Amino acid sequence: MARVEIYSDFFCGHSARAKRLLDAKGVAYEELDVMAQPGRRAEMAERSGGRKSVPQIFIDGVHVGGAEDLEALDAAGELDGLLGGGA
């Protein structure tokens, strides 16, 4: 299974959507809360090419974007492959 990291914010509906999709697929992920750990926001921006909004999602270290990008990958049938077979 792929390593999935999500930079998120507890109050962000988009973050919740992305996590629900991954939960539905039975995918474990590491959540990096940018509100609880403010230094994470700068780290996220550096890793994502300057993006400052949450969520920002990485699969095996590769930036895939936000919740809408994750949903688009799923709709295109590409997400399960990135996740190593998915659910």
PDB file of N, CA and C in Angstrom:
ATOM      1  N   MET A   1       0.840  -1.181   0.000  1.00  0.00           N
ATOM      2  CA  MET A   1       0.000   0.000   0.000  1.00  0.00           C
ATOM      3  C   MET A   1       0.885   1.245   0.000  1.00  0.00           C
ATOM      4  N   ALA A   2       0.446   2.249  -0.708  1.00  0.00           N
ATOM      5  CA  ALA A   2       1.193   3.495  -0.831  1.00  0.00           C
ATOM      6  C   ALA A   2       1.172   4.290   0.474  1.00  0.00           C
ATOM      7  N   ARG A   3       2.164   5.135   0.638  1.00  0.00           N
ATOM      8  CA  ARG A   3       2.194   6.058   1.779  1.00  0.00           C
ATOM      9  C   ARG A   3       1.429   7.315   1.366  1.00  0.00           C
ATOM     10  N   VAL A   4       0.401   7.653   2.127  1.00  0.00           N
ATOM     11  CA  VAL A   4      -0.436   8.809   1.819  1.00  0.00           C
ATOM     12  C   VAL A   4      -0.311   9.823   2.955  1.00  0.00           C
ATOM     13  N   GLU A   5      -0.023  11.061   2.583  1.00  0.00           N
ATOM     14  CA  GLU A   5       0.079  12.162   3.541  1.00  0.00           C
ATOM     15  C   GLU A   5      -0.925  13.238   3.147  1.00  0.00           C
ATOM     16  N   ILE A   6      -1.644  13.750   4.146  1.00  0.00           N
ATOM     17  CA  ILE A   6      -2.613  14.818   3.896  1.00  0.00           C
ATOM     18  C   ILE A   6      -2.324  15.978   4.842  1.00  0.00           C
ATOM     19  N   TYR A   7      -1.961  17.113   4.269  1.00  0.00           N
ATOM     20  CA  TYR A   7      -1.866  18.341   5.044  1.00  0.00           C
ATOM     21  C   TYR A   7      -3.289  18.863   5.145  1.00  0.00           C
ATOM     22  N   SER A   8      -3.773  19.035   6.357  1.00  0.00           N
ATOM     23  CA  SER A   8      -5.177  19.382   6.542  1.00  0.00           C
ATOM     24  C   SER A   8      -5.363  20.382   7.669  1.00  0.00           C
ATOM     25  N   ASP A   9      -6.633  20.724   7.852  1.00  0.00           N
ATOM     26  CA  ASP A   9      -7.076  21.635   8.902  1.00  0.00           C
ATOM     27  C   ASP A   9      -8.385  21.047   9.410  1.00  0.00           C
ATOM     28  N   PHE A  10      -8.524  20.911  10.709  1.00  0.00           N
ATOM     29  CA  PHE A  10      -9.701  20.297  11.311  1.00  0.00           C
ATOM     30  C   PHE A  10     -11.001  20.931  10.833  1.00  0.00           C
ATOM     31  N   PHE A  11     -10.993  22.230  10.559  1.00  0.00           N
ATOM     32  CA  PHE A  11     -12.204  22.959  10.190  1.00  0.00           C
ATOM     33  C   PHE A  11     -12.470  22.994   8.687  1.00  0.00           C
ATOM     34  N   CYS A  12     -11.666  22.327   7.901  1.00  0.00           N
ATOM     35  CA  CYS A  12     -11.764  22.394   6.444  1.00  0.00           C
ATOM     36  C   CYS A  12     -12.652  21.274   5.884  1.00  0.00           C
ATOM     37  N   GLY A  13     -13.735  21.661   5.227  1.00  0.00           N
ATOM     38  CA  GLY A  13     -14.637  20.693   4.614  1.00  0.00           C
ATOM     39  C   GLY A  13     -13.980  19.906   3.484  1.00  0.00           C
ATOM     40  N   HIS A  14     -13.096  20.538   2.740  1.00  0.00           N
ATOM     41  CA  HIS A  14     -12.397  19.850   1.645  1.00  0.00           C
ATOM     42  C   HIS A  14     -11.474  18.765   2.199  1.00  0.00           C
ATOM     43  N   SER A  15     -10.823  19.070   3.323  1.00  0.00           N
ATOM     44  CA  SER A  15      -9.973  18.066   3.970  1.00  0.00           C
ATOM     45  C   SER A  15     -10.818  16.877   4.406  1.00  0.00           C
ATOM     46  N   ALA A  16     -11.977  17.158   4.990  1.00  0.00           N
ATOM     47  CA  ALA A  16     -12.874  16.091   5.432  1.00  0.00           C
ATOM     48  C   ALA A  16     -13.325  15.229   4.252  1.00  0.00           C
ATOM     49  N   ARG A  17     -13.620  15.869   3.123  1.00  0.00           N
ATOM     50  CA  ARG A  17     -14.021  15.116   1.917  1.00  0.00           C
ATOM     51  C   ARG A  17     -12.924  14.176   1.454  1.00  0.00           C
ATOM     52  N   ALA A  18     -11.704  14.668   1.409  1.00  0.00           N
ATOM     53  CA  ALA A  18     -10.577  13.840   0.962  1.00  0.00           C
ATOM     54  C   ALA A  18     -10.371  12.660   1.908  1.00  0.00           C
ATOM     55  N   LYS A  19     -10.457  12.917   3.205  1.00  0.00           N
ATOM     56  CA  LYS A  19     -10.271  11.840   4.182  1.00  0.00           C
ATOM     57  C   LYS A  19     -11.400  10.820   4.100  1.00  0.00           C
ATOM     58  N   ARG A  20     -12.628  11.276   3.860  1.00  0.00           N
ATOM     59  CA  ARG A  20     -13.750  10.342   3.699  1.00  0.00           C
ATOM     60  C   ARG A  20     -13.542   9.419   2.508  1.00  0.00           C
ATOM     61  N   LEU A  21     -13.050   9.963   1.401  1.00  0.00           N
ATOM     62  CA  LEU A  21     -12.790   9.147   0.212  1.00  0.00           C
ATOM     63  C   LEU A  21     -11.742   8.085   0.519  1.00  0.00           C
ATOM     64  N   LEU A  22     -10.664   8.483   1.160  1.00  0.00           N
ATOM     65  CA  LEU A  22      -9.617   7.517   1.500  1.00  0.00           C
ATOM     66  C   LEU A  22     -10.109   6.500   2.525  1.00  0.00           C
ATOM     67  N   ASP A  23     -10.890   6.954   3.498  1.00  0.00           N
ATOM     68  CA  ASP A  23     -11.464   6.031   4.482  1.00  0.00           C
ATOM     69  C   ASP A  23     -12.355   5.000   3.793  1.00  0.00           C
ATOM     70  N   ALA A  24     -13.159   5.446   2.832  1.00  0.00           N
ATOM     71  CA  ALA A  24     -14.062   4.544   2.110  1.00  0.00           C
ATOM     72  C   ALA A  24     -13.285   3.478   1.340  1.00  0.00           C
ATOM     73  N   LYS A  25     -12.078   3.817   0.936  1.00  0.00           N
ATOM     74  CA  LYS A  25     -11.226   2.872   0.210  1.00  0.00           C
ATOM     75  C   LYS A  25     -10.377   2.025   1.157  1.00  0.00           C
ATOM     76  N   GLY A  26     -10.475   2.297   2.453  1.00  0.00           N
ATOM     77  CA  GLY A  26      -9.701   1.539   3.427  1.00  0.00           C
ATOM     78  C   GLY A  26      -8.227   1.886   3.419  1.00  0.00           C
ATOM     79  N   VAL A  27      -7.915   3.113   3.025  1.00  0.00           N
ATOM     80  CA  VAL A  27      -6.525   3.558   2.908  1.00  0.00           C
ATOM     81  C   VAL A  27      -6.083   4.273   4.174  1.00  0.00           C
ATOM     82  N   ALA A  28      -4.964   3.837   4.724  1.00  0.00           N
ATOM     83  CA  ALA A  28      -4.371   4.528   5.870  1.00  0.00           C
ATOM     84  C   ALA A  28      -3.633   5.753   5.353  1.00  0.00           C
ATOM     85  N   TYR A  29      -3.665   6.827   6.125  1.00  0.00           N
ATOM     86  CA  TYR A  29      -2.962   8.038   5.731  1.00  0.00           C
ATOM     87  C   TYR A  29      -2.432   8.732   6.969  1.00  0.00           C
ATOM     88  N   GLU A  30      -1.394   9.529   6.742  1.00  0.00           N
ATOM     89  CA  GLU A  30      -0.821  10.346   7.809  1.00  0.00           C
ATOM     90  C   GLU A  30      -1.387  11.750   7.654  1.00  0.00           C
ATOM     91  N   GLU A  31      -2.050  12.228   8.694  1.00  0.00           N
ATOM     92  CA  GLU A  31      -2.627  13.567   8.660  1.00  0.00           C
ATOM     93  C   GLU A  31      -1.672  14.555   9.319  1.00  0.00           C
ATOM     94  N   LEU A  32      -1.352  15.616   8.601  1.00  0.00           N
ATOM     95  CA  LEU A  32      -0.446  16.649   9.076  1.00  0.00           C
ATOM     96  C   LEU A  32      -1.266  17.925   9.244  1.00  0.00           C
ATOM     97  N   ASP A  33      -1.669  18.216  10.475  1.00  0.00           N
ATOM     98  CA  ASP A  33      -2.573  19.311  10.769  1.00  0.00           C
ATOM     99  C   ASP A  33      -1.819  20.639  10.801  1.00  0.00           C
ATOM    100  N   VAL A  34      -2.122  21.518   9.853  1.00  0.00           N
ATOM    101  CA  VAL A  34      -1.407  22.791   9.745  1.00  0.00           C
ATOM    102  C   VAL A  34      -1.851  23.798  10.793  1.00  0.00           C
ATOM    103  N   MET A  35      -2.978  23.551  11.451  1.00  0.00           N
ATOM    104  CA  MET A  35      -3.414  24.445  12.526  1.00  0.00           C
ATOM    105  C   MET A  35      -2.739  24.055  13.847  1.00  0.00           C
ATOM    106  N   ALA A  36      -2.693  22.772  14.127  1.00  0.00           N
ATOM    107  CA  ALA A  36      -2.087  22.292  15.368  1.00  0.00           C
ATOM    108  C   ALA A  36      -0.573  22.437  15.346  1.00  0.00           C
ATOM    109  N   GLN A  37       0.012  22.345  14.147  1.00  0.00           N
ATOM    110  CA  GLN A  37       1.463  22.456  13.985  1.00  0.00           C
ATOM    111  C   GLN A  37       1.735  23.500  12.908  1.00  0.00           C
ATOM    112  N   PRO A  38       1.742  24.783  13.264  1.00  0.00           N
ATOM    113  CA  PRO A  38       1.856  25.857  12.273  1.00  0.00           C
ATOM    114  C   PRO A  38       3.036  25.744  11.315  1.00  0.00           C
ATOM    115  N   GLY A  39       4.140  25.156  11.732  1.00  0.00           N
ATOM    116  CA  GLY A  39       5.286  24.993  10.847  1.00  0.00           C
ATOM    117  C   GLY A  39       5.000  24.088   9.664  1.00  0.00           C
ATOM    118  N   ARG A  40       3.971  23.281   9.790  1.00  0.00           N
ATOM    119  CA  ARG A  40       3.603  22.367   8.700  1.00  0.00           C
ATOM    120  C   ARG A  40       3.107  23.118   7.462  1.00  0.00           C
ATOM    121  N   ARG A  41       2.522  24.300   7.656  1.00  0.00           N
ATOM    122  CA  ARG A  41       2.001  25.044   6.500  1.00  0.00           C
ATOM    123  C   ARG A  41       3.140  25.446   5.558  1.00  0.00           C
ATOM    124  N   ALA A  42       4.247  25.915   6.103  1.00  0.00           N
ATOM    125  CA  ALA A  42       5.400  26.280   5.272  1.00  0.00           C
ATOM    126  C   ALA A  42       5.973  25.036   4.591  1.00  0.00           C
ATOM    127  N   GLU A  43       6.040  23.946   5.324  1.00  0.00           N
ATOM    128  CA  GLU A  43       6.505  22.674   4.755  1.00  0.00           C
ATOM    129  C   GLU A  43       5.597  22.258   3.599  1.00  0.00           C
ATOM    130  N   MET A  44       4.291  22.352   3.802  1.00  0.00           N
ATOM    131  CA  MET A  44       3.317  21.998   2.769  1.00  0.00           C
ATOM    132  C   MET A  44       3.506  22.864   1.525  1.00  0.00           C
ATOM    133  N   ALA A  45       3.647  24.165   1.732  1.00  0.00           N
ATOM    134  CA  ALA A  45       3.814  25.079   0.603  1.00  0.00           C
ATOM    135  C   ALA A  45       5.074  24.754  -0.185  1.00  0.00           C
ATOM    136  N   GLU A  46       6.142  24.444   0.522  1.00  0.00           N
ATOM    137  CA  GLU A  46       7.395  24.101  -0.158  1.00  0.00           C
ATOM    138  C   GLU A  46       7.245  22.818  -0.970  1.00  0.00           C
ATOM    139  N   ARG A  47       6.633  21.817  -0.392  1.00  0.00           N
ATOM    140  CA  ARG A  47       6.479  20.521  -1.067  1.00  0.00           C
ATOM    141  C   ARG A  47       5.484  20.572  -2.224  1.00  0.00           C
ATOM    142  N   SER A  48       4.500  21.470  -2.138  1.00  0.00           N
ATOM    143  CA  SER A  48       3.427  21.498  -3.139  1.00  0.00           C
ATOM    144  C   SER A  48       3.619  22.556  -4.215  1.00  0.00           C
ATOM    145  N   GLY A  49       4.786  23.145  -4.264  1.00  0.00           N
ATOM    146  CA  GLY A  49       5.039  24.152  -5.287  1.00  0.00           C
ATOM    147  C   GLY A  49       4.385  25.494  -4.987  1.00  0.00           C
ATOM    148  N   GLY A  50       4.202  25.796  -3.699  1.00  0.00           N
ATOM    149  CA  GLY A  50       3.681  27.090  -3.295  1.00  0.00           C
ATOM    150  C   GLY A  50       2.216  27.109  -2.901  1.00  0.00           C
ATOM    151  N   ARG A  51       1.534  26.003  -3.009  1.00  0.00           N
ATOM    152  CA  ARG A  51       0.121  25.983  -2.618  1.00  0.00           C
ATOM    153  C   ARG A  51      -0.016  26.125  -1.113  1.00  0.00           C
ATOM    154  N   LYS A  52      -0.949  26.974  -0.700  1.00  0.00           N
ATOM    155  CA  LYS A  52      -1.117  27.257   0.722  1.00  0.00           C
ATOM    156  C   LYS A  52      -2.469  26.824   1.268  1.00  0.00           C
ATOM    157  N   SER A  53      -3.370  26.359   0.385  1.00  0.00           N
ATOM    158  CA  SER A  53      -4.690  25.919   0.845  1.00  0.00           C
ATOM    159  C   SER A  53      -4.647  24.434   1.184  1.00  0.00           C
ATOM    160  N   VAL A  54      -5.531  24.041   2.098  1.00  0.00           N
ATOM    161  CA  VAL A  54      -5.636  22.639   2.474  1.00  0.00           C
ATOM    162  C   VAL A  54      -6.908  22.057   1.884  1.00  0.00           C
ATOM    163  N   PRO A  55      -6.905  20.757   1.630  1.00  0.00           N
ATOM    164  CA  PRO A  55      -5.805  19.839   1.858  1.00  0.00           C
ATOM    165  C   PRO A  55      -4.812  19.857   0.700  1.00  0.00           C
ATOM    166  N   GLN A  56      -3.623  19.408   0.976  1.00  0.00           N
ATOM    167  CA  GLN A  56      -2.637  19.079  -0.048  1.00  0.00           C
ATOM    168  C   GLN A  56      -2.264  17.632   0.220  1.00  0.00           C
ATOM    169  N   ILE A  57      -2.349  16.822  -0.807  1.00  0.00           N
ATOM    170  CA  ILE A  57      -2.234  15.373  -0.655  1.00  0.00           C
ATOM    171  C   ILE A  57      -1.028  14.860  -1.440  1.00  0.00           C
ATOM    172  N   PHE A  58      -0.296  13.957  -0.795  1.00  0.00           N
ATOM    173  CA  PHE A  58       0.881  13.334  -1.400  1.00  0.00           C
ATOM    174  C   PHE A  58       0.716  11.826  -1.324  1.00  0.00           C
ATOM    175  N   ILE A  59       0.992  11.162  -2.429  1.00  0.00           N
ATOM    176  CA  ILE A  59       0.973   9.700  -2.467  1.00  0.00           C
ATOM    177  C   ILE A  59       2.372   9.247  -2.851  1.00  0.00           C
ATOM    178  N   ASP A  60       2.996   8.496  -1.954  1.00  0.00           N
ATOM    179  CA  ASP A  60       4.393   8.070  -2.124  1.00  0.00           C
ATOM    180  C   ASP A  60       5.301   9.252  -2.458  1.00  0.00           C
ATOM    181  N   GLY A  61       5.068  10.364  -1.757  1.00  0.00           N
ATOM    182  CA  GLY A  61       5.910  11.546  -1.918  1.00  0.00           C
ATOM    183  C   GLY A  61       5.591  12.413  -3.114  1.00  0.00           C
ATOM    184  N   VAL A  62       4.647  11.999  -3.952  1.00  0.00           N
ATOM    185  CA  VAL A  62       4.282  12.760  -5.142  1.00  0.00           C
ATOM    186  C   VAL A  62       3.035  13.589  -4.845  1.00  0.00           C
ATOM    187  N   HIS A  63       3.114  14.867  -5.125  1.00  0.00           N
ATOM    188  CA  HIS A  63       1.987  15.768  -4.881  1.00  0.00           C
ATOM    189  C   HIS A  63       0.882  15.483  -5.895  1.00  0.00           C
ATOM    190  N   VAL A  64      -0.323  15.161  -5.396  1.00  0.00           N
ATOM    191  CA  VAL A  64      -1.455  14.922  -6.296  1.00  0.00           C
ATOM    192  C   VAL A  64      -2.461  16.062  -6.259  1.00  0.00           C
ATOM    193  N   GLY A  65      -2.300  17.014  -5.333  1.00  0.00           N
ATOM    194  CA  GLY A  65      -3.190  18.162  -5.278  1.00  0.00           C
ATOM    195  C   GLY A  65      -4.109  18.126  -4.087  1.00  0.00           C
ATOM    196  N   GLY A  66      -5.299  18.725  -4.276  1.00  0.00           N
ATOM    197  CA  GLY A  66      -6.267  18.826  -3.203  1.00  0.00           C
ATOM    198  C   GLY A  66      -7.380  17.798  -3.323  1.00  0.00           C
ATOM    199  N   ALA A  67      -8.470  18.052  -2.612  1.00  0.00           N
ATOM    200  CA  ALA A  67      -9.597  17.117  -2.586  1.00  0.00           C
ATOM    201  C   ALA A  67     -10.202  16.915  -3.964  1.00  0.00           C
ATOM    202  N   GLU A  68     -10.395  17.994  -4.708  1.00  0.00           N
ATOM    203  CA  GLU A  68     -10.980  17.868  -6.046  1.00  0.00           C
ATOM    204  C   GLU A  68     -10.076  17.068  -6.970  1.00  0.00           C
ATOM    205  N   ASP A  69      -8.768  17.246  -6.834  1.00  0.00           N
ATOM    206  CA  ASP A  69      -7.820  16.484  -7.648  1.00  0.00           C
ATOM    207  C   ASP A  69      -7.892  15.003  -7.295  1.00  0.00           C
ATOM    208  N   LEU A  70      -7.986  14.702  -6.001  1.00  0.00           N
ATOM    209  CA  LEU A  70      -8.092  13.319  -5.543  1.00  0.00           C
ATOM    210  C   LEU A  70      -9.373  12.682  -6.084  1.00  0.00           C
ATOM    211  N   GLU A  71     -10.482  13.425  -6.009  1.00  0.00           N
ATOM    212  CA  GLU A  71     -11.753  12.919  -6.528  1.00  0.00           C
ATOM    213  C   GLU A  71     -11.707  12.711  -8.035  1.00  0.00           C
ATOM    214  N   ALA A  72     -11.024  13.599  -8.742  1.00  0.00           N
ATOM    215  CA  ALA A  72     -10.893  13.457 -10.194  1.00  0.00           C
ATOM    216  C   ALA A  72     -10.087  12.213 -10.547  1.00  0.00           C
ATOM    217  N   LEU A  73      -9.021  11.952  -9.787  1.00  0.00           N
ATOM    218  CA  LEU A  73      -8.243  10.734 -10.013  1.00  0.00           C
ATOM    219  C   LEU A  73      -9.110   9.498  -9.789  1.00  0.00           C
ATOM    220  N   ASP A  74      -9.946   9.542  -8.772  1.00  0.00           N
ATOM    221  CA  ASP A  74     -10.832   8.418  -8.491  1.00  0.00           C
ATOM    222  C   ASP A  74     -11.847   8.245  -9.611  1.00  0.00           C
ATOM    223  N   ALA A  75     -12.463   9.333 -10.056  1.00  0.00           N
ATOM    224  CA  ALA A  75     -13.468   9.276 -11.120  1.00  0.00           C
ATOM    225  C   ALA A  75     -12.872   8.756 -12.431  1.00  0.00           C
ATOM    226  N   ALA A  76     -11.591   9.060 -12.667  1.00  0.00           N
ATOM    227  CA  ALA A  76     -10.909   8.608 -13.880  1.00  0.00           C
ATOM    228  C   ALA A  76     -10.397   7.174 -13.764  1.00  0.00           C
ATOM    229  N   GLY A  77     -10.571   6.575 -12.586  1.00  0.00           N
ATOM    230  CA  GLY A  77     -10.101   5.200 -12.381  1.00  0.00           C
ATOM    231  C   GLY A  77      -8.617   5.088 -12.151  1.00  0.00           C
ATOM    232  N   GLU A  78      -7.958   6.194 -11.800  1.00  0.00           N
ATOM    233  CA  GLU A  78      -6.500   6.205 -11.635  1.00  0.00           C
ATOM    234  C   GLU A  78      -6.049   6.136 -10.189  1.00  0.00           C
ATOM    235  N   LEU A  79      -6.945   6.451  -9.257  1.00  0.00           N
ATOM    236  CA  LEU A  79      -6.549   6.533  -7.848  1.00  0.00           C
ATOM    237  C   LEU A  79      -6.131   5.184  -7.277  1.00  0.00           C
ATOM    238  N   ASP A  80      -6.901   4.151  -7.533  1.00  0.00           N
ATOM    239  CA  ASP A  80      -6.569   2.840  -6.973  1.00  0.00           C
ATOM    240  C   ASP A  80      -5.169   2.380  -7.368  1.00  0.00           C
ATOM    241  N   GLY A  81      -4.784   2.652  -8.607  1.00  0.00           N
ATOM    242  CA  GLY A  81      -3.440   2.288  -9.058  1.00  0.00           C
ATOM    243  C   GLY A  81      -2.366   3.038  -8.299  1.00  0.00           C
ATOM    244  N   LEU A  82      -2.595   4.315  -8.050  1.00  0.00           N
ATOM    245  CA  LEU A  82      -1.626   5.111  -7.292  1.00  0.00           C
ATOM    246  C   LEU A  82      -1.510   4.632  -5.844  1.00  0.00           C
ATOM    247  N   LEU A  83      -2.630   4.108  -5.340  1.00  0.00           N
ATOM    248  CA  LEU A  83      -2.658   3.654  -3.959  1.00  0.00           C
ATOM    249  C   LEU A  83      -2.141   2.229  -3.804  1.00  0.00           C
ATOM    250  N   GLY A  84      -1.701   1.641  -4.886  1.00  0.00           N
ATOM    251  CA  GLY A  84      -1.166   0.289  -4.822  1.00  0.00           C
ATOM    252  C   GLY A  84      -2.254  -0.775  -4.850  1.00  0.00           C
ATOM    253  N   GLY A  85      -3.294  -0.498  -5.594  1.00  0.00           N
ATOM    254  CA  GLY A  85      -4.371  -1.475  -5.701  1.00  0.00           C
ATOM    255  C   GLY A  85      -5.622  -1.003  -5.020  1.00  0.00           C
ATOM    256  N   GLY A  86      -5.469  -0.143  -3.982  1.00  0.00           N
ATOM    257  CA  GLY A  86      -6.627   0.406  -3.299  1.00  0.00           C
ATOM    258  C   GLY A  86      -7.567  -0.653  -2.794  1.00  0.00           C
ATOM    259  N   ALA A  87      -8.793  -0.252  -2.594  1.00  0.00           N
ATOM    260  CA  ALA A  87      -9.807  -1.181  -2.085  1.00  0.00           C
ATOM    261  C   ALA A  87     -10.687  -1.625  -3.208  1.00  0.00           C
TER     262      ALA A  87
END
